[in-house]
Amino acid sequence: MELENYFDFLNADDIRIKGTRVGIETVLDDYLNGASPEEIAARYRTLTLEQVYATITYYLRNQEEVDEYLERWRAYTEAAWQEQQRNPPEFVRELRERMQRQREAAAQCQDRHSGSWATVGATERYVGSRHPGLD
């Protein structure tokens, strides 16, 4: 089987592993960050070890071209992340606002009491209350 038969070349910036929705950048990012082929195959259950090795082999045979592809992918994902930070969806804005209100309420509550929060096991407990008998 020819190596290219392992992939769907959707366009210059979208190469997928045939039969999956996984882009080669997903496998190669893990591989270039030190993951073994076996670790990658275990992490992405839709991929076979053969597909992972084919992706790595394709990279090694076409390293300059694939490095350019990966650089474009990184630039695109960074730009998309920056845009999402500047203009988050409405539900994200609402969630952030709700979390901020909760942090402010917790800080006000803590300011009103002389005690502090302590982690005991897997739970947080309030210790040192100014109210006798509530500790």
N, C-alpha and C. Protein backbone atom coordinates (compact mmCIF):
# COMPACT_ATOMS: atom_id res chain seq x y z
N MET A 1 0.84 -1.18 0.00
CA MET A 1 0.00 0.00 0.00
C MET A 1 0.89 1.25 0.00
N GLU A 2 0.56 2.21 -0.83
CA GLU A 2 1.30 3.47 -0.86
C GLU A 2 1.01 4.25 0.41
N LEU A 3 2.01 4.94 0.88
CA LEU A 3 1.89 5.69 2.13
C LEU A 3 0.74 6.70 2.07
N GLU A 4 0.58 7.40 0.95
CA GLU A 4 -0.46 8.42 0.81
C GLU A 4 -1.87 7.85 0.94
N ASN A 5 -2.02 6.54 0.72
CA ASN A 5 -3.34 5.91 0.83
C ASN A 5 -3.85 5.86 2.26
N TYR A 6 -3.00 6.16 3.22
CA TYR A 6 -3.42 6.20 4.62
C TYR A 6 -4.12 7.51 4.97
N PHE A 7 -4.15 8.46 4.03
CA PHE A 7 -4.64 9.81 4.35
C PHE A 7 -5.69 10.29 3.36
N ASP A 8 -6.52 11.21 3.86
CA ASP A 8 -7.44 11.97 3.02
C ASP A 8 -6.89 13.39 2.95
N PHE A 9 -6.50 13.82 1.76
CA PHE A 9 -5.97 15.16 1.56
C PHE A 9 -7.14 16.06 1.18
N LEU A 10 -7.78 16.65 2.18
CA LEU A 10 -8.98 17.46 1.95
C LEU A 10 -8.63 18.80 1.30
N ASN A 11 -7.54 19.41 1.73
CA ASN A 11 -6.97 20.59 1.08
C ASN A 11 -5.56 20.76 1.63
N ALA A 12 -4.88 21.81 1.22
CA ALA A 12 -3.48 22.00 1.61
C ALA A 12 -3.30 22.13 3.12
N ASP A 13 -4.34 22.54 3.81
CA ASP A 13 -4.25 22.73 5.26
C ASP A 13 -5.12 21.77 6.05
N ASP A 14 -5.51 20.67 5.44
CA ASP A 14 -6.36 19.70 6.14
C ASP A 14 -6.08 18.29 5.61
N ILE A 15 -5.19 17.62 6.32
CA ILE A 15 -4.87 16.23 5.98
C ILE A 15 -5.35 15.36 7.12
N ARG A 16 -6.26 14.45 6.82
CA ARG A 16 -6.84 13.57 7.84
C ARG A 16 -6.35 12.14 7.64
N ILE A 17 -6.34 11.42 8.73
CA ILE A 17 -6.03 10.00 8.65
C ILE A 17 -7.28 9.29 8.14
N LYS A 18 -7.11 8.56 7.07
CA LYS A 18 -8.25 7.94 6.36
C LYS A 18 -9.15 7.16 7.32
N GLY A 19 -10.44 7.39 7.15
CA GLY A 19 -11.44 6.68 7.96
C GLY A 19 -11.67 7.30 9.32
N THR A 20 -11.02 8.43 9.59
CA THR A 20 -11.19 9.10 10.88
C THR A 20 -11.37 10.60 10.65
N ARG A 21 -11.64 11.30 11.72
CA ARG A 21 -11.68 12.76 11.67
C ARG A 21 -10.40 13.35 12.25
N VAL A 22 -9.41 12.51 12.49
CA VAL A 22 -8.17 12.92 13.13
C VAL A 22 -7.22 13.48 12.08
N GLY A 23 -6.76 14.70 12.30
CA GLY A 23 -5.78 15.30 11.42
C GLY A 23 -4.38 14.81 11.77
N ILE A 24 -3.49 14.84 10.77
CA ILE A 24 -2.12 14.38 11.04
C ILE A 24 -1.45 15.26 12.09
N GLU A 25 -1.88 16.51 12.20
CA GLU A 25 -1.28 17.41 13.19
C GLU A 25 -1.48 16.91 14.61
N THR A 26 -2.57 16.23 14.86
CA THR A 26 -2.86 15.70 16.19
C THR A 26 -1.81 14.65 16.57
N VAL A 27 -1.58 13.73 15.68
CA VAL A 27 -0.59 12.67 15.93
C VAL A 27 0.81 13.26 15.99
N LEU A 28 1.13 14.12 15.04
CA LEU A 28 2.49 14.65 14.96
C LEU A 28 2.80 15.60 16.11
N ASP A 29 1.84 16.34 16.58
CA ASP A 29 2.08 17.21 17.72
C ASP A 29 2.47 16.37 18.94
N ASP A 30 1.75 15.29 19.16
CA ASP A 30 2.10 14.39 20.27
C ASP A 30 3.47 13.75 20.05
N TYR A 31 3.71 13.27 18.84
CA TYR A 31 4.98 12.61 18.52
C TYR A 31 6.15 13.58 18.71
N LEU A 32 6.01 14.80 18.21
CA LEU A 32 7.10 15.78 18.31
C LEU A 32 7.30 16.28 19.74
N ASN A 33 6.31 16.03 20.60
CA ASN A 33 6.44 16.38 22.01
C ASN A 33 6.85 15.18 22.86
N GLY A 34 7.31 14.11 22.21
CA GLY A 34 7.90 13.00 22.93
C GLY A 34 7.06 11.77 23.16
N ALA A 35 5.81 11.76 22.69
CA ALA A 35 4.97 10.57 22.89
C ALA A 35 5.41 9.47 21.93
N SER A 36 5.37 8.25 22.40
CA SER A 36 5.71 7.11 21.55
C SER A 36 4.50 6.77 20.66
N PRO A 37 4.73 6.06 19.57
CA PRO A 37 3.61 5.63 18.73
C PRO A 37 2.57 4.84 19.52
N GLU A 38 3.03 4.00 20.43
CA GLU A 38 2.10 3.21 21.24
C GLU A 38 1.25 4.10 22.15
N GLU A 39 1.86 5.11 22.73
CA GLU A 39 1.11 6.04 23.58
C GLU A 39 0.07 6.80 22.77
N ILE A 40 0.46 7.20 21.56
CA ILE A 40 -0.48 7.94 20.71
C ILE A 40 -1.66 7.06 20.33
N ALA A 41 -1.39 5.82 19.94
CA ALA A 41 -2.47 4.90 19.57
C ALA A 41 -3.39 4.64 20.75
N ALA A 42 -2.83 4.55 21.94
CA ALA A 42 -3.66 4.35 23.14
C ALA A 42 -4.49 5.59 23.45
N ARG A 43 -3.95 6.76 23.19
CA ARG A 43 -4.64 8.02 23.48
C ARG A 43 -5.81 8.26 22.53
N TYR A 44 -5.64 7.89 21.27
CA TYR A 44 -6.67 8.11 20.24
C TYR A 44 -7.17 6.75 19.79
N ARG A 45 -8.23 6.29 20.43
CA ARG A 45 -8.73 4.93 20.23
C ARG A 45 -9.23 4.66 18.82
N THR A 46 -9.53 5.72 18.04
CA THR A 46 -10.00 5.50 16.67
C THR A 46 -8.84 5.20 15.72
N LEU A 47 -7.61 5.34 16.20
CA LEU A 47 -6.44 5.10 15.36
C LEU A 47 -5.80 3.75 15.68
N THR A 48 -5.33 3.11 14.64
CA THR A 48 -4.56 1.88 14.84
C THR A 48 -3.09 2.26 14.97
N LEU A 49 -2.31 1.37 15.51
CA LEU A 49 -0.87 1.60 15.61
C LEU A 49 -0.28 1.75 14.21
N GLU A 50 -0.80 1.00 13.26
CA GLU A 50 -0.34 1.10 11.87
C GLU A 50 -0.56 2.51 11.33
N GLN A 51 -1.73 3.10 11.61
CA GLN A 51 -2.01 4.46 11.14
C GLN A 51 -1.07 5.48 11.79
N VAL A 52 -0.77 5.28 13.05
CA VAL A 52 0.15 6.19 13.75
C VAL A 52 1.53 6.09 13.11
N TYR A 53 2.01 4.88 12.90
CA TYR A 53 3.32 4.71 12.26
C TYR A 53 3.32 5.28 10.84
N ALA A 54 2.24 5.10 10.10
CA ALA A 54 2.14 5.66 8.75
C ALA A 54 2.24 7.18 8.79
N THR A 55 1.59 7.80 9.77
CA THR A 55 1.64 9.25 9.90
C THR A 55 3.06 9.73 10.20
N ILE A 56 3.71 9.05 11.11
CA ILE A 56 5.09 9.42 11.46
C ILE A 56 6.01 9.20 10.26
N THR A 57 5.83 8.09 9.56
CA THR A 57 6.65 7.82 8.37
C THR A 57 6.41 8.88 7.30
N TYR A 58 5.16 9.26 7.11
CA TYR A 58 4.84 10.32 6.13
C TYR A 58 5.55 11.61 6.51
N TYR A 59 5.53 11.92 7.79
CA TYR A 59 6.24 13.11 8.27
C TYR A 59 7.73 13.02 7.97
N LEU A 60 8.35 11.89 8.31
CA LEU A 60 9.79 11.74 8.12
C LEU A 60 10.19 11.80 6.64
N ARG A 61 9.32 11.30 5.76
CA ARG A 61 9.62 11.34 4.32
C ARG A 61 9.37 12.72 3.71
N ASN A 62 8.52 13.51 4.32
CA ASN A 62 8.13 14.82 3.78
C ASN A 62 8.30 15.91 4.82
N GLN A 63 9.38 15.84 5.56
CA GLN A 63 9.53 16.67 6.76
C GLN A 63 9.41 18.16 6.48
N GLU A 64 10.06 18.67 5.46
CA GLU A 64 10.00 20.11 5.20
C GLU A 64 8.57 20.56 4.89
N GLU A 65 7.91 19.82 4.02
CA GLU A 65 6.53 20.15 3.64
C GLU A 65 5.58 20.03 4.83
N VAL A 66 5.73 18.98 5.62
CA VAL A 66 4.85 18.77 6.77
C VAL A 66 5.16 19.78 7.88
N ASP A 67 6.42 20.15 8.05
CA ASP A 67 6.75 21.20 9.02
C ASP A 67 6.05 22.51 8.67
N GLU A 68 6.00 22.83 7.39
CA GLU A 68 5.28 24.04 6.95
C GLU A 68 3.78 23.90 7.24
N TYR A 69 3.23 22.72 6.97
CA TYR A 69 1.82 22.44 7.27
C TYR A 69 1.57 22.64 8.77
N LEU A 70 2.45 22.10 9.60
CA LEU A 70 2.28 22.21 11.05
C LEU A 70 2.40 23.66 11.50
N GLU A 71 3.28 24.41 10.90
CA GLU A 71 3.43 25.83 11.26
C GLU A 71 2.16 26.61 10.90
N ARG A 72 1.59 26.33 9.75
CA ARG A 72 0.32 26.99 9.37
C ARG A 72 -0.79 26.59 10.35
N TRP A 73 -0.82 25.31 10.73
CA TRP A 73 -1.83 24.84 11.68
C TRP A 73 -1.68 25.54 13.03
N ARG A 74 -0.44 25.66 13.53
CA ARG A 74 -0.20 26.34 14.81
C ARG A 74 -0.61 27.81 14.73
N ALA A 75 -0.27 28.47 13.63
CA ALA A 75 -0.63 29.88 13.46
C ALA A 75 -2.16 30.03 13.43
N TYR A 76 -2.83 29.13 12.72
CA TYR A 76 -4.29 29.18 12.64
C TYR A 76 -4.92 28.97 14.02
N THR A 77 -4.46 27.96 14.76
CA THR A 77 -5.07 27.68 16.06
C THR A 77 -4.80 28.82 17.04
N GLU A 78 -3.63 29.42 16.99
CA GLU A 78 -3.33 30.55 17.86
C GLU A 78 -4.23 31.74 17.52
N ALA A 79 -4.38 32.03 16.24
CA ALA A 79 -5.25 33.14 15.82
C ALA A 79 -6.70 32.88 16.23
N ALA A 80 -7.15 31.65 16.07
CA ALA A 80 -8.53 31.31 16.45
C ALA A 80 -8.72 31.45 17.96
N TRP A 81 -7.72 31.04 18.74
CA TRP A 81 -7.80 31.17 20.20
C TRP A 81 -7.84 32.64 20.59
N GLN A 82 -6.98 33.45 19.99
CA GLN A 82 -6.95 34.88 20.29
C GLN A 82 -8.30 35.53 19.96
N GLU A 83 -8.87 35.17 18.83
CA GLU A 83 -10.17 35.72 18.44
C GLU A 83 -11.25 35.30 19.43
N GLN A 84 -11.21 34.06 19.88
CA GLN A 84 -12.21 33.59 20.85
C GLN A 84 -12.05 34.33 22.17
N GLN A 85 -10.83 34.66 22.55
CA GLN A 85 -10.61 35.42 23.78
C GLN A 85 -11.16 36.83 23.66
N ARG A 86 -10.99 37.44 22.48
CA ARG A 86 -11.50 38.80 22.25
C ARG A 86 -13.02 38.83 22.14
N ASN A 87 -13.59 37.83 21.50
CA ASN A 87 -15.02 37.79 21.22
C ASN A 87 -15.61 36.43 21.59
N PRO A 88 -15.70 36.14 22.88
CA PRO A 88 -16.21 34.82 23.26
C PRO A 88 -17.71 34.71 22.99
N PRO A 89 -18.20 33.50 22.81
CA PRO A 89 -19.64 33.30 22.65
C PRO A 89 -20.38 33.79 23.90
N GLU A 90 -21.64 34.08 23.75
CA GLU A 90 -22.45 34.62 24.84
C GLU A 90 -22.41 33.72 26.08
N PHE A 91 -22.54 32.40 25.89
CA PHE A 91 -22.55 31.51 27.06
C PHE A 91 -21.23 31.55 27.81
N VAL A 92 -20.12 31.76 27.11
CA VAL A 92 -18.82 31.86 27.78
C VAL A 92 -18.75 33.15 28.59
N ARG A 93 -19.23 34.25 28.02
CA ARG A 93 -19.26 35.52 28.77
C ARG A 93 -20.12 35.37 30.03
N GLU A 94 -21.28 34.75 29.89
CA GLU A 94 -22.16 34.55 31.05
C GLU A 94 -21.50 33.67 32.10
N LEU A 95 -20.84 32.62 31.68
CA LEU A 95 -20.15 31.74 32.61
C LEU A 95 -19.04 32.48 33.33
N ARG A 96 -18.25 33.26 32.62
CA ARG A 96 -17.18 34.03 33.24
C ARG A 96 -17.73 35.03 34.25
N GLU A 97 -18.83 35.69 33.90
CA GLU A 97 -19.46 36.65 34.82
C GLU A 97 -19.96 35.94 36.07
N ARG A 98 -20.59 34.80 35.91
CA ARG A 98 -21.09 34.03 37.05
C ARG A 98 -19.95 33.60 37.96
N MET A 99 -18.86 33.14 37.37
CA MET A 99 -17.70 32.73 38.16
C MET A 99 -17.09 33.91 38.91
N GLN A 100 -17.05 35.07 38.27
CA GLN A 100 -16.52 36.27 38.93
C GLN A 100 -17.40 36.65 40.11
N ARG A 101 -18.72 36.61 39.94
CA ARG A 101 -19.63 36.93 41.05
C ARG A 101 -19.43 35.96 42.21
N GLN A 102 -19.25 34.66 41.90
CA GLN A 102 -19.03 33.67 42.95
C GLN A 102 -17.72 33.93 43.70
N ARG A 103 -16.67 34.29 42.96
CA ARG A 103 -15.39 34.61 43.62
C ARG A 103 -15.53 35.83 44.53
N GLU A 104 -16.25 36.85 44.05
CA GLU A 104 -16.45 38.05 44.85
C GLU A 104 -17.27 37.76 46.09
N ALA A 105 -18.32 36.94 45.96
CA ALA A 105 -19.15 36.59 47.11
C ALA A 105 -18.33 35.78 48.13
N ALA A 106 -17.50 34.87 47.65
CA ALA A 106 -16.67 34.08 48.56
C ALA A 106 -15.67 34.97 49.29
N ALA A 107 -15.10 35.95 48.58
CA ALA A 107 -14.14 36.86 49.21
C ALA A 107 -14.84 37.72 50.27
N GLN A 108 -16.05 38.18 49.99
CA GLN A 108 -16.80 38.98 50.96
C GLN A 108 -17.14 38.14 52.19
N CYS A 109 -17.53 36.90 51.97
CA CYS A 109 -17.86 36.02 53.08
C CYS A 109 -16.63 35.78 53.95
N GLN A 110 -15.51 35.57 53.32
CA GLN A 110 -14.28 35.32 54.06
C GLN A 110 -13.86 36.57 54.84
N ASP A 111 -14.06 37.75 54.26
CA ASP A 111 -13.72 38.99 54.95
C ASP A 111 -14.57 39.21 56.20
N ARG A 112 -15.81 38.71 56.19
CA ARG A 112 -16.72 38.91 57.32
C ARG A 112 -16.41 37.98 58.48
N HIS A 113 -15.65 36.97 58.24
CA HIS A 113 -15.36 35.99 59.28
C HIS A 113 -13.88 36.02 59.61
N SER A 114 -13.56 35.76 60.85
CA SER A 114 -12.16 35.78 61.24
C SER A 114 -11.46 34.48 60.92
N GLY A 115 -12.20 33.45 60.62
CA GLY A 115 -11.60 32.14 60.35
C GLY A 115 -11.10 32.05 58.94
N SER A 116 -10.78 30.87 58.54
CA SER A 116 -10.29 30.64 57.19
C SER A 116 -10.78 29.27 56.71
N TRP A 117 -10.60 29.06 55.43
CA TRP A 117 -10.98 27.78 54.84
C TRP A 117 -9.81 26.83 54.92
N ALA A 118 -10.09 25.59 55.26
CA ALA A 118 -9.03 24.59 55.32
C ALA A 118 -9.48 23.37 54.53
N THR A 119 -8.56 22.76 53.85
CA THR A 119 -8.88 21.55 53.12
C THR A 119 -8.63 20.36 54.05
N VAL A 120 -9.68 19.57 54.23
CA VAL A 120 -9.59 18.39 55.08
C VAL A 120 -10.02 17.22 54.21
N GLY A 121 -9.07 16.38 53.89
CA GLY A 121 -9.39 15.28 52.97
C GLY A 121 -9.75 15.87 51.62
N ALA A 122 -10.89 15.47 51.08
CA ALA A 122 -11.30 15.95 49.77
C ALA A 122 -12.30 17.09 49.88
N THR A 123 -12.55 17.60 51.09
CA THR A 123 -13.54 18.65 51.25
C THR A 123 -12.92 19.87 51.90
N GLU A 124 -13.57 21.03 51.69
CA GLU A 124 -13.14 22.24 52.36
C GLU A 124 -14.03 22.46 53.57
N ARG A 125 -13.44 22.87 54.65
CA ARG A 125 -14.19 23.15 55.87
C ARG A 125 -13.79 24.50 56.40
N TYR A 126 -14.73 25.19 56.93
CA TYR A 126 -14.46 26.49 57.50
C TYR A 126 -14.03 26.31 58.95
N VAL A 127 -12.91 26.91 59.33
CA VAL A 127 -12.42 26.78 60.68
C VAL A 127 -12.21 28.16 61.29
N GLY A 128 -12.40 28.27 62.57
CA GLY A 128 -12.13 29.53 63.25
C GLY A 128 -13.26 30.54 63.17
N SER A 129 -14.49 30.12 63.16
CA SER A 129 -15.61 31.04 63.07
C SER A 129 -15.69 31.93 64.31
N ARG A 130 -16.24 33.13 64.13
CA ARG A 130 -16.44 34.03 65.26
C ARG A 130 -17.71 33.62 66.03
N HIS A 131 -18.41 32.65 65.53
CA HIS A 131 -19.63 32.22 66.18
C HIS A 131 -19.34 30.97 66.99
N PRO A 132 -19.36 31.07 68.33
CA PRO A 132 -19.07 29.90 69.17
C PRO A 132 -19.99 28.73 68.86
N GLY A 133 -19.42 27.58 68.87
CA GLY A 133 -20.21 26.36 68.67
C GLY A 133 -20.40 26.00 67.22
N LEU A 134 -19.97 26.86 66.29
CA LEU A 134 -20.16 26.55 64.87
C LEU A 134 -18.90 25.99 64.21
N ASP A 135 -17.83 25.85 64.98
CA ASP A 135 -16.58 25.33 64.41
C ASP A 135 -16.68 23.84 64.19
